[in-house]
């Protein structure tokens, strides 16, 4: 066989071509999986370019991290310890940051410092981000604001994760369709602070959010199935740093739904201002110990407040300067203010087109409407509570059952009082009218009057008993749900 000889120059050129091909076909170091010694660098900032995946590692960081645009940093089944760093931002994301089944530990104690600042795509799933301690001095009232997550653009999905000892757990602004689902916030005074479109804050647990558990504003939002539980003694202890109000849900915006949340031991369970086309439905609200708290709604239009159970609150449903309202099928137990719908503070907005129907008030104060127009109070059941209206035009009070209570109307006109069952306290008038005109009273059954057929038409005690049975069932179901969600922690 004839041998073929290749000149050395040709071999050199061929090797050069091969090397170039390898360089183009194999990713650089930042595009492959990194071990610990690759990951930690002597520089003050680690730049992530391309695709980096940290998996099954425990890393003590000595630098901050920046994820560049068009880059992806994935942390899986790993622990990152930032306790040795006091930078204002620990992870800065401009690309895509994914954290799954991992833990981040920090020791932030400087104002406005943040663990993760994201301007790209952010996903945190089944992970834990915890600070060594909550930087709040409860004795002198000083607060240091540290944040776990701050996202101001891009995409955000945070699911099944835990945040502990941050003044603000999650801050989101100008992000479309963020999802905050099934997370746990422990000693995060401001749990979620959000201003966005099409948001979901569902199924989260907030333990001792001592300022405001959920603050949300925007368009098309759901706040559903969250559990907000404060320790009553801790709540009283922590008034000084955050003022005298602790809020469960603070909300404003358009087309917002607040449904099936359990809120315990807050000073304002739900505070709503500037809502339009909203639903507040199926929430369970309570206070342990002495009476505290209220649902406060103001400057709101086209709202439905339905099927809420509210126990031991100062003002269970308090509405100011709002109109086009339906307040129906709520259960109020032990309250001072009951259901109030009023014009206050010299506002030009007076209640108009208000329907209050099918509610149950047991020792819950009153149903009160003032400076309003076109109001209907229908089919309510009141035990040791009463109905009061003042300066109302076009008022219908129909088919209400009132035990140990009365109807009082003052300075109003165009009034119809029909088909009500009333058993007033001894010595009080069942229906009291002061300075009213155009009043029609008919078919009311007044118990205790000599000419009333009390012997043949007994007071409908069955309505009271049925309401109490429903209430007991709701309380038991709520307690079971709380215990399941918290694992017995309160």
Protein backbone atom coordinates (compact mmCIF):
# COMPACT_ATOMS: atom_id res chain seq x y z
CA UNK A 1 0.00 0.00 0.00
CA UNK A 2 1.24 3.44 -0.90
CA UNK A 3 1.65 5.80 2.05
CA UNK A 4 0.33 9.34 1.91
CA UNK A 5 2.29 12.18 3.52
CA UNK A 6 0.54 15.37 4.59
CA UNK A 7 2.64 18.51 4.96
CA UNK A 8 3.02 19.90 8.52
CA UNK A 9 1.53 23.23 7.42
CA UNK A 10 -1.65 21.45 6.33
CA UNK A 11 -1.87 19.62 9.67
CA UNK A 12 -1.57 22.90 11.56
CA UNK A 13 -4.37 24.49 9.55
CA UNK A 14 -6.60 21.45 10.13
CA UNK A 15 -6.01 21.53 13.89
CA UNK A 16 -6.85 25.23 13.93
CA UNK A 17 -10.14 24.56 12.15
CA UNK A 18 -11.00 21.81 14.65
CA UNK A 19 -10.26 24.06 17.61
CA UNK A 20 -12.44 26.80 16.15
CA UNK A 21 -15.29 24.35 15.59
CA UNK A 22 -15.03 23.15 19.17
CA UNK A 23 -15.12 26.72 20.47
CA UNK A 24 -18.29 27.44 18.48
CA UNK A 25 -20.04 24.19 19.42
CA UNK A 26 -19.32 23.93 23.18
CA UNK A 27 -20.85 26.48 25.58
CA UNK A 28 -18.59 28.54 27.81
CA UNK A 29 -18.27 27.98 31.53
CA UNK A 30 -21.30 30.05 32.41
CA UNK A 31 -23.51 27.85 30.22
CA UNK A 32 -22.88 24.57 32.01
CA UNK A 33 -23.66 23.22 35.45
CA UNK A 34 -21.38 24.68 38.09
CA UNK A 35 -19.94 23.07 41.17
CA UNK A 36 -19.26 25.10 44.32
CA UNK A 37 -15.70 26.09 43.52
CA UNK A 38 -16.75 27.28 40.07
CA UNK A 39 -19.67 29.21 41.53
CA UNK A 40 -17.88 31.23 44.20
CA UNK A 41 -15.51 33.83 42.80
CA UNK A 42 -13.16 36.37 44.42
CA UNK A 43 -15.05 39.27 42.84
CA UNK A 44 -17.70 41.33 44.68
CA UNK A 45 -20.35 40.59 42.04
CA UNK A 46 -21.07 37.40 40.13
CA UNK A 47 -22.33 38.02 36.58
CA UNK A 48 -24.60 35.33 35.15
CA UNK A 49 -24.49 35.16 31.35
CA UNK A 50 -26.11 32.46 29.27
CA UNK A 51 -27.58 29.56 31.26
CA UNK A 52 -26.36 28.64 34.75
CA UNK A 53 -27.84 25.89 36.88
CA UNK A 54 -27.00 25.34 40.53
CA UNK A 55 -28.30 21.96 41.70
CA UNK A 56 -27.93 20.01 44.94
CA UNK A 57 -25.41 22.46 46.38
CA UNK A 58 -24.89 24.40 49.60
CA UNK A 59 -23.06 27.64 48.94
CA UNK A 60 -21.84 30.32 51.33
CA UNK A 61 -21.81 33.44 49.19
CA UNK A 62 -19.15 36.12 49.27
CA UNK A 63 -20.61 38.20 46.43
CA UNK A 64 -23.91 39.42 45.04
CA UNK A 65 -25.42 37.96 41.87
CA UNK A 66 -26.59 39.69 38.70
CA UNK A 67 -28.52 37.79 36.03
CA UNK A 68 -28.02 39.49 32.68
CA UNK A 69 -30.59 40.04 29.97
CA UNK A 70 -31.28 36.97 27.83
CA UNK A 71 -29.69 34.87 30.58
CA UNK A 72 -31.14 32.29 32.96
CA UNK A 73 -30.08 31.34 36.48
CA UNK A 74 -31.73 28.25 37.94
CA UNK A 75 -31.36 27.24 41.60
CA UNK A 76 -32.64 23.72 42.31
CA UNK A 77 -32.52 21.73 45.57
CA UNK A 78 -29.83 24.05 46.91
CA UNK A 79 -29.10 26.38 49.82
CA UNK A 80 -27.52 29.79 49.36
CA UNK A 81 -26.24 31.53 52.49
CA UNK A 82 -25.96 35.32 52.11
CA UNK A 83 -25.47 36.05 55.81
CA UNK A 84 -21.98 37.36 55.22
CA UNK A 85 -23.15 40.06 52.79
CA UNK A 86 -24.84 43.36 53.68
CA UNK A 87 -25.39 44.72 50.16
CA UNK A 88 -28.57 46.61 49.26
CA UNK A 89 -29.48 43.96 46.65
CA UNK A 90 -28.30 40.36 46.84
CA UNK A 91 -29.70 38.99 43.57
CA UNK A 92 -30.44 41.38 40.70
CA UNK A 93 -32.38 39.76 37.88
CA UNK A 94 -32.68 41.22 34.37
CA UNK A 95 -33.15 37.87 32.65
CA UNK A 96 -34.82 34.77 34.09
CA UNK A 97 -34.43 33.59 37.67
CA UNK A 98 -35.88 30.23 38.74
CA UNK A 99 -35.71 29.01 42.35
CA UNK A 100 -37.15 25.55 43.08
CA UNK A 101 -37.06 23.49 46.28
CA UNK A 102 -34.29 25.69 47.62
CA UNK A 103 -33.43 27.92 50.56
CA UNK A 104 -31.95 31.40 50.77
CA UNK A 105 -30.72 32.69 54.14
CA UNK A 106 -29.97 36.37 54.77
CA UNK A 107 -29.05 38.77 57.54
CA UNK A 108 -30.38 42.06 56.16
CA UNK A 109 -30.64 44.98 58.57
CA UNK A 110 -30.23 48.09 56.41
CA UNK A 111 -33.17 50.17 55.21
CA UNK A 112 -34.56 49.29 51.76
CA UNK A 113 -32.26 46.32 51.24
CA UNK A 114 -33.72 43.45 49.21
CA UNK A 115 -32.90 39.81 48.61
CA UNK A 116 -34.21 39.58 45.04
CA UNK A 117 -34.82 42.59 42.79
CA UNK A 118 -36.34 41.40 39.53
CA UNK A 119 -36.93 43.20 36.22
CA UNK A 120 -37.25 40.05 34.14
CA UNK A 121 -38.92 36.66 34.63
CA UNK A 122 -39.08 35.37 38.19
CA UNK A 123 -40.29 31.99 39.43
CA UNK A 124 -40.02 30.84 43.04
CA UNK A 125 -41.55 27.44 43.80
CA UNK A 126 -41.54 25.39 47.02
CA UNK A 127 -38.65 27.37 48.45
CA UNK A 128 -37.84 29.31 51.62
CA UNK A 129 -36.36 32.79 51.95
CA UNK A 130 -35.64 33.75 55.54
CA UNK A 131 -33.93 36.56 57.40
CA UNK A 132 -32.11 35.94 60.67
CA UNK A 133 -34.39 38.34 62.56
CA UNK A 134 -37.16 40.86 61.92
CA UNK A 135 -35.48 44.31 62.00
CA UNK A 136 -38.20 45.99 64.07
CA UNK A 137 -37.67 47.45 67.53
CA UNK A 138 -40.97 47.02 69.33
CA UNK A 139 -39.81 49.05 72.32
CA UNK A 140 -38.84 52.31 70.63
CA UNK A 141 -41.01 51.82 67.51
CA UNK A 142 -38.22 51.93 64.92
CA UNK A 143 -38.65 49.94 61.71
CA UNK A 144 -36.01 48.92 59.18
CA UNK A 145 -37.58 48.07 55.83
CA UNK A 146 -36.04 44.96 54.30
CA UNK A 147 -37.67 43.04 51.45
CA UNK A 148 -37.54 39.45 50.32
CA UNK A 149 -38.73 40.09 46.75
CA UNK A 150 -39.12 43.29 44.73
CA UNK A 151 -40.42 42.95 41.16
CA UNK A 152 -41.07 46.06 39.07
CA UNK A 153 -41.40 44.62 35.56
CA UNK A 154 -41.41 41.32 33.73
CA UNK A 155 -43.26 38.21 34.93
CA UNK A 156 -43.74 36.84 38.44
CA UNK A 157 -44.97 33.49 39.77
CA UNK A 158 -44.34 32.70 43.43
CA UNK A 159 -45.89 29.43 44.55
CA UNK A 160 -45.76 27.27 47.67
CA UNK A 161 -42.88 29.14 49.27
CA UNK A 162 -42.14 30.55 52.73
CA UNK A 163 -40.97 34.05 53.66
CA UNK A 164 -39.90 34.86 57.20
CA UNK A 165 -38.73 37.96 59.08
CA UNK A 166 -38.91 40.52 56.27
CA UNK A 167 -40.62 43.87 56.77
CA UNK A 168 -42.05 43.42 53.27
CA UNK A 169 -42.40 39.90 51.98
CA UNK A 170 -43.24 40.53 48.32
CA UNK A 171 -43.41 43.93 46.58
CA UNK A 172 -44.77 43.91 43.01
CA UNK A 173 -45.36 46.95 40.81
CA UNK A 174 -46.24 47.27 37.11
CA UNK A 175 -46.19 43.51 36.53
CA UNK A 176 -48.99 42.00 34.43
CA UNK A 177 -50.64 38.78 35.64
CA UNK A 178 -48.52 38.04 38.72
CA UNK A 179 -49.44 34.90 40.68
CA UNK A 180 -48.86 34.69 44.44
CA UNK A 181 -50.22 31.26 45.35
CA UNK A 182 -50.14 29.02 48.43
CA UNK A 183 -47.24 30.73 50.16
CA UNK A 184 -46.57 31.22 53.88
CA UNK A 185 -45.54 34.55 55.40
CA UNK A 186 -44.27 34.47 59.00
CA UNK A 187 -43.59 37.73 60.82
CA UNK A 188 -43.69 39.76 57.63
CA UNK A 189 -45.52 42.95 58.74
CA UNK A 190 -46.33 43.81 55.11
CA UNK A 191 -46.83 40.39 53.56
CA UNK A 192 -47.74 41.20 49.94
CA UNK A 193 -47.68 44.74 48.55
CA UNK A 194 -48.91 44.73 44.95
CA UNK A 195 -50.01 47.14 42.23
CA UNK A 196 -50.72 45.26 39.00
CA UNK A 197 -53.18 44.03 36.39
CA UNK A 198 -54.81 40.60 36.35
CA UNK A 199 -53.30 39.51 39.65
CA UNK A 200 -53.95 36.44 41.79
CA UNK A 201 -53.24 36.34 45.51
CA UNK A 202 -54.73 32.98 46.43
CA UNK A 203 -54.36 30.39 49.16
CA UNK A 204 -51.62 32.10 51.15
CA UNK A 205 -51.07 31.92 54.90
CA UNK A 206 -50.08 35.08 56.80
CA UNK A 207 -49.01 34.55 60.41
CA UNK A 208 -48.50 37.74 62.41
CA UNK A 209 -48.49 40.22 59.55
CA UNK A 210 -48.48 43.07 62.03
CA UNK A 211 -49.09 45.97 59.63
CA UNK A 212 -51.00 44.87 56.49
CA UNK A 213 -51.06 41.28 55.30
CA UNK A 214 -52.23 42.09 51.75
CA UNK A 215 -52.10 45.48 50.05
CA UNK A 216 -53.41 45.32 46.49
CA UNK A 217 -54.48 47.80 43.84
CA UNK A 218 -55.07 47.51 40.14
CA UNK A 219 -57.46 46.04 37.60
CA UNK A 220 -58.89 42.51 37.44
CA UNK A 221 -57.61 40.94 40.63
CA UNK A 222 -58.46 37.97 42.84
CA UNK A 223 -57.74 37.74 46.56
CA UNK A 224 -59.13 34.31 47.36
CA UNK A 225 -58.75 31.66 50.05
CA UNK A 226 -56.06 33.35 52.12
CA UNK A 227 -55.63 32.85 55.86
CA UNK A 228 -54.61 35.92 57.85
CA UNK A 229 -54.05 35.13 61.51
CA UNK A 230 -52.48 37.34 64.16
CA UNK A 231 -51.59 36.49 67.72
CA UNK A 232 -53.79 38.80 69.79
CA UNK A 233 -51.16 39.54 72.45
CA UNK A 234 -48.50 40.20 69.81
CA UNK A 235 -50.93 42.44 67.96
CA UNK A 236 -51.39 44.66 71.01
CA UNK A 237 -47.66 44.67 71.72
CA UNK A 238 -46.77 45.81 68.21
CA UNK A 239 -49.01 48.84 67.82
CA UNK A 240 -46.24 51.37 68.21
CA UNK A 241 -44.05 50.60 65.17
CA UNK A 242 -46.95 50.45 62.72
CA UNK A 243 -49.48 52.87 64.16
CA UNK A 244 -52.78 51.91 65.74
CA UNK A 245 -54.20 49.98 62.80
CA UNK A 246 -53.41 46.47 61.66
CA UNK A 247 -55.12 45.52 58.39
CA UNK A 248 -55.91 42.16 56.87
CA UNK A 249 -56.64 43.21 53.28
CA UNK A 250 -56.18 46.78 52.02
CA UNK A 251 -57.51 47.07 48.48
CA UNK A 252 -58.44 49.54 45.74
CA UNK A 253 -59.07 49.28 42.02
CA UNK A 254 -61.53 47.98 39.45
CA UNK A 255 -63.06 44.51 39.16
CA UNK A 256 -61.50 43.09 42.31
CA UNK A 257 -62.79 39.94 44.04
CA UNK A 258 -62.14 39.25 47.74
CA UNK A 259 -63.54 35.80 48.43
CA UNK A 260 -63.36 33.02 51.02
CA UNK A 261 -60.57 34.50 53.10
CA UNK A 262 -60.25 33.82 56.83
CA UNK A 263 -59.09 36.89 58.75
CA UNK A 264 -58.44 36.76 62.49
CA UNK A 265 -57.35 39.39 64.99
CA UNK A 266 -56.89 42.49 62.86
CA UNK A 267 -58.06 46.03 63.58
CA UNK A 268 -59.40 46.42 60.06
CA UNK A 269 -60.17 43.06 58.53
CA UNK A 270 -60.84 44.56 55.08
CA UNK A 271 -60.12 48.19 54.21
CA UNK A 272 -61.33 49.18 50.75
CA UNK A 273 -61.13 52.61 49.16
CA UNK A 274 -61.87 53.62 45.59
CA UNK A 275 -63.24 50.25 44.50
CA UNK A 276 -65.39 49.93 41.40
CA UNK A 277 -67.24 46.74 40.43
CA UNK A 278 -65.98 44.56 43.25
CA UNK A 279 -67.19 41.50 45.14
CA UNK A 280 -66.49 40.82 48.82
CA UNK A 281 -67.94 37.38 49.39
CA UNK A 282 -67.75 34.35 51.66
CA UNK A 283 -65.09 35.70 54.02
CA UNK A 284 -64.84 34.56 57.65
CA UNK A 285 -63.72 37.29 60.04
CA UNK A 286 -63.22 37.10 63.81
CA UNK A 287 -61.44 38.58 66.81
CA UNK A 288 -60.45 36.64 69.92
CA UNK A 289 -60.91 38.29 73.30
CA UNK A 290 -62.49 41.72 73.62
CA UNK A 291 -64.28 43.25 70.64
CA UNK A 292 -61.98 44.75 67.98
CA UNK A 293 -61.93 45.38 64.26
CA UNK A 294 -64.08 46.41 61.34
CA UNK A 295 -64.65 46.07 57.63
CA UNK A 296 -64.36 49.59 56.26
CA UNK A 297 -65.34 50.53 52.71
CA UNK A 298 -65.29 54.07 51.32
CA UNK A 299 -65.59 55.88 47.99
CA UNK A 300 -66.75 52.68 46.31
CA UNK A 301 -69.32 52.05 43.58
CA UNK A 302 -71.03 48.91 42.30
CA UNK A 303 -70.00 46.60 45.11
CA UNK A 304 -71.51 43.34 46.34
CA UNK A 305 -70.86 42.36 49.96
CA UNK A 306 -72.31 38.91 50.31
CA UNK A 307 -72.32 35.86 52.57
CA UNK A 308 -69.60 37.01 54.96
CA UNK A 309 -69.48 35.82 58.56
CA UNK A 310 -68.18 38.52 60.91
CA UNK A 311 -67.72 37.84 64.62
CA UNK A 312 -66.83 40.14 67.52
CA UNK A 313 -66.05 43.27 65.48
CA UNK A 314 -66.57 46.91 66.45
CA UNK A 315 -68.12 47.84 63.10
CA UNK A 316 -68.71 44.62 61.16
CA UNK A 317 -69.62 46.38 57.88
CA UNK A 318 -68.89 50.11 57.79
CA UNK A 319 -69.46 51.92 54.47
CA UNK A 320 -68.83 55.61 53.81
CA UNK A 321 -69.49 57.80 50.78
CA UNK A 322 -70.35 54.89 48.47
CA UNK A 323 -73.23 54.00 46.17
CA UNK A 324 -74.77 51.26 44.04
CA UNK A 325 -74.31 48.64 46.75
CA UNK A 326 -75.76 45.22 47.51
CA UNK A 327 -75.19 43.99 51.07
CA UNK A 328 -76.77 40.57 51.40
CA UNK A 329 -76.81 37.30 53.35
CA UNK A 330 -74.09 38.29 55.79
CA UNK A 331 -73.99 36.95 59.35
CA UNK A 332 -72.90 39.37 62.08
CA UNK A 333 -72.39 38.13 65.63
CA UNK A 334 -71.52 40.42 68.53
CA UNK A 335 -70.80 43.82 67.11
CA UNK A 336 -71.19 47.45 67.98
CA UNK A 337 -71.87 49.07 64.62
CA UNK A 338 -73.61 46.34 62.62
CA UNK A 339 -74.15 47.48 59.02
CA UNK A 340 -73.59 51.19 58.45
CA UNK A 341 -73.97 53.05 55.18
CA UNK A 342 -73.37 56.77 55.60
CA UNK A 343 -72.15 60.01 54.07
CA UNK A 344 -69.37 61.56 56.17
CA UNK A 345 -66.56 64.10 56.07
CA UNK A 346 -68.46 66.63 53.93
CA UNK A 347 -68.16 64.35 50.91
CA UNK A 348 -70.33 65.13 47.91
CA UNK A 349 -70.97 61.39 47.48
CA UNK A 350 -74.02 60.20 49.36
CA UNK A 351 -75.22 56.58 49.47
CA UNK A 352 -77.56 55.86 46.59
CA UNK A 353 -79.21 52.69 45.30
CA UNK A 354 -78.39 50.58 48.35
CA UNK A 355 -79.96 47.18 49.01
CA UNK A 356 -79.50 45.53 52.42
CA UNK A 357 -81.21 42.14 52.42
CA UNK A 358 -81.15 38.71 53.99
CA UNK A 359 -78.59 39.56 56.66
CA UNK A 360 -78.53 38.12 60.18
CA UNK A 361 -77.50 40.35 63.10
CA UNK A 362 -77.19 38.74 66.53
CA UNK A 363 -76.23 41.25 69.23
CA UNK A 364 -74.53 43.15 66.43
CA UNK A 365 -75.69 46.73 66.87
CA UNK A 366 -77.89 47.97 64.07
CA UNK A 367 -78.56 48.51 60.41
CA UNK A 368 -77.99 52.23 59.88
CA UNK A 369 -78.41 54.35 56.75
CA UNK A 370 -77.96 58.12 56.67
CA UNK A 371 -78.02 60.91 54.07
CA UNK A 372 -78.98 58.39 51.41
CA UNK A 373 -81.38 57.92 48.52
CA UNK A 374 -83.25 54.89 47.21
CA UNK A 375 -82.53 52.42 50.00
CA UNK A 376 -84.13 49.00 50.50
CA UNK A 377 -83.85 47.06 53.76
CA UNK A 378 -85.42 43.66 53.13
CA UNK A 379 -85.74 40.22 54.73
CA UNK A 380 -83.17 40.78 57.46
CA UNK A 381 -83.19 39.02 60.83
CA UNK A 382 -82.15 41.06 63.86
CA UNK A 383 -81.86 39.77 67.42
CA UNK A 384 -81.14 42.42 70.04
CA UNK A 385 -80.40 44.80 67.17
CA UNK A 386 -82.38 47.55 65.43
CA UNK A 387 -82.86 49.52 62.20
CA UNK A 388 -82.08 53.23 62.10
CA UNK A 389 -82.39 55.67 59.19
CA UNK A 390 -81.91 59.43 59.00
CA UNK A 391 -82.10 61.90 56.12
CA UNK A 392 -83.10 59.20 53.65
CA UNK A 393 -85.24 59.74 50.59
CA UNK A 394 -87.11 56.77 49.09
CA UNK A 395 -86.77 54.14 51.83
CA UNK A 396 -88.36 50.67 51.86
CA UNK A 397 -88.22 48.55 55.03
CA UNK A 398 -89.93 45.25 54.24
CA UNK A 399 -90.32 41.77 55.74
CA UNK A 400 -87.67 42.10 58.44
CA UNK A 401 -87.79 40.05 61.64
CA UNK A 402 -86.71 42.10 64.66
CA UNK A 403 -86.53 40.65 68.17
CA UNK A 404 -85.66 42.94 71.06
CA UNK A 405 -85.21 45.80 68.63
CA UNK A 406 -87.04 48.62 66.89
CA UNK A 407 -87.26 50.69 63.72
CA UNK A 408 -86.29 54.36 64.12
CA UNK A 409 -86.52 56.85 61.23
CA UNK A 410 -85.75 60.56 61.39
CA UNK A 411 -85.87 63.49 58.98
CA UNK A 412 -86.73 61.29 56.00
CA UNK A 413 -89.35 61.14 53.26
CA UNK A 414 -91.06 58.73 50.88
CA UNK A 415 -90.99 55.83 53.33
CA UNK A 416 -92.65 52.40 53.18
CA UNK A 417 -92.63 50.12 56.24
CA UNK A 418 -94.36 46.85 55.38
CA UNK A 419 -94.74 43.23 56.50
CA UNK A 420 -92.20 43.41 59.33
CA UNK A 421 -92.25 41.24 62.48
CA UNK A 422 -91.23 43.40 65.44
CA UNK A 423 -90.88 42.52 69.12
CA UNK A 424 -89.57 45.64 70.80
CA UNK A 425 -87.88 45.82 74.21
CA UNK A 426 -90.30 46.56 77.00
CA UNK A 427 -91.28 50.20 77.13
CA UNK A 428 -89.97 51.11 73.66
CA UNK A 429 -91.98 51.94 70.56
CA UNK A 430 -91.62 49.29 67.83
CA UNK A 431 -91.68 51.96 65.11
CA UNK A 432 -90.56 55.50 65.90
CA UNK A 433 -90.89 58.26 63.32
CA UNK A 434 -89.51 61.76 63.86
CA UNK A 435 -90.01 64.58 61.37
CA UNK A 436 -90.83 62.25 58.48
CA UNK A 437 -93.25 62.73 55.59
CA UNK A 438 -94.93 60.58 52.96
CA UNK A 439 -94.91 57.50 55.20
CA UNK A 440 -96.84 54.29 54.47
CA UNK A 441 -97.13 51.62 57.19
CA UNK A 442 -99.00 48.40 56.51
CA UNK A 443 -99.18 44.72 57.39
CA UNK A 444 -96.59 44.94 60.15
CA UNK A 445 -96.98 42.50 63.06
CA UNK A 446 -96.12 44.19 66.33
CA UNK A 447 -95.77 41.86 69.30
CA UNK A 448 -96.77 43.03 72.76
CA UNK A 449 -99.52 45.45 71.70
CA UNK A 450 -103.00 44.82 73.06
CA UNK A 451 -104.68 44.70 69.67
CA UNK A 452 -102.11 42.34 68.13
CA UNK A 453 -102.98 38.72 67.54
CA UNK A 454 -99.94 37.51 69.47
CA UNK A 455 -101.67 34.33 70.65
CA UNK A 456 -102.57 33.22 67.14
CA UNK A 457 -99.47 34.42 65.29
CA UNK A 458 -96.43 33.53 67.42
CA UNK A 459 -93.20 35.42 66.96
CA UNK A 460 -91.12 33.48 64.39
CA UNK A 461 -88.52 32.08 66.85
CA UNK A 462 -87.74 29.41 64.26
CA UNK A 463 -86.01 32.07 62.15
CA UNK A 464 -83.71 32.90 65.05
CA UNK A 465 -82.96 29.23 65.79
CA UNK A 466 -82.30 28.45 62.13
CA UNK A 467 -79.93 31.39 61.87
CA UNK A 468 -78.05 30.27 64.99
CA UNK A 469 -77.72 26.74 63.59
CA UNK A 470 -76.25 28.08 60.36
CA UNK A 471 -73.89 30.30 62.32
CA UNK A 472 -72.66 27.42 64.50
CA UNK A 473 -71.97 25.36 61.39
CA UNK A 474 -70.01 28.20 59.80
CA UNK A 475 -67.92 28.67 62.95
CA UNK A 476 -67.01 24.98 63.13
CA UNK A 477 -66.12 24.84 59.43
CA UNK A 478 -63.97 27.96 59.80
CA UNK A 479 -62.14 26.57 62.83
CA UNK A 480 -61.40 23.29 61.06
CA UNK A 481 -60.10 25.18 58.01
CA UNK A 482 -57.83 27.32 60.19
CA UNK A 483 -56.38 24.32 62.01
CA UNK A 484 -55.72 22.50 58.76
CA UNK A 485 -54.01 25.47 57.17
CA UNK A 486 -51.87 26.43 60.15
CA UNK A 487 -51.10 22.98 61.50
CA UNK A 488 -52.43 24.12 64.86
CA UNK A 489 -50.29 27.29 64.97
CA UNK A 490 -52.00 30.55 65.98
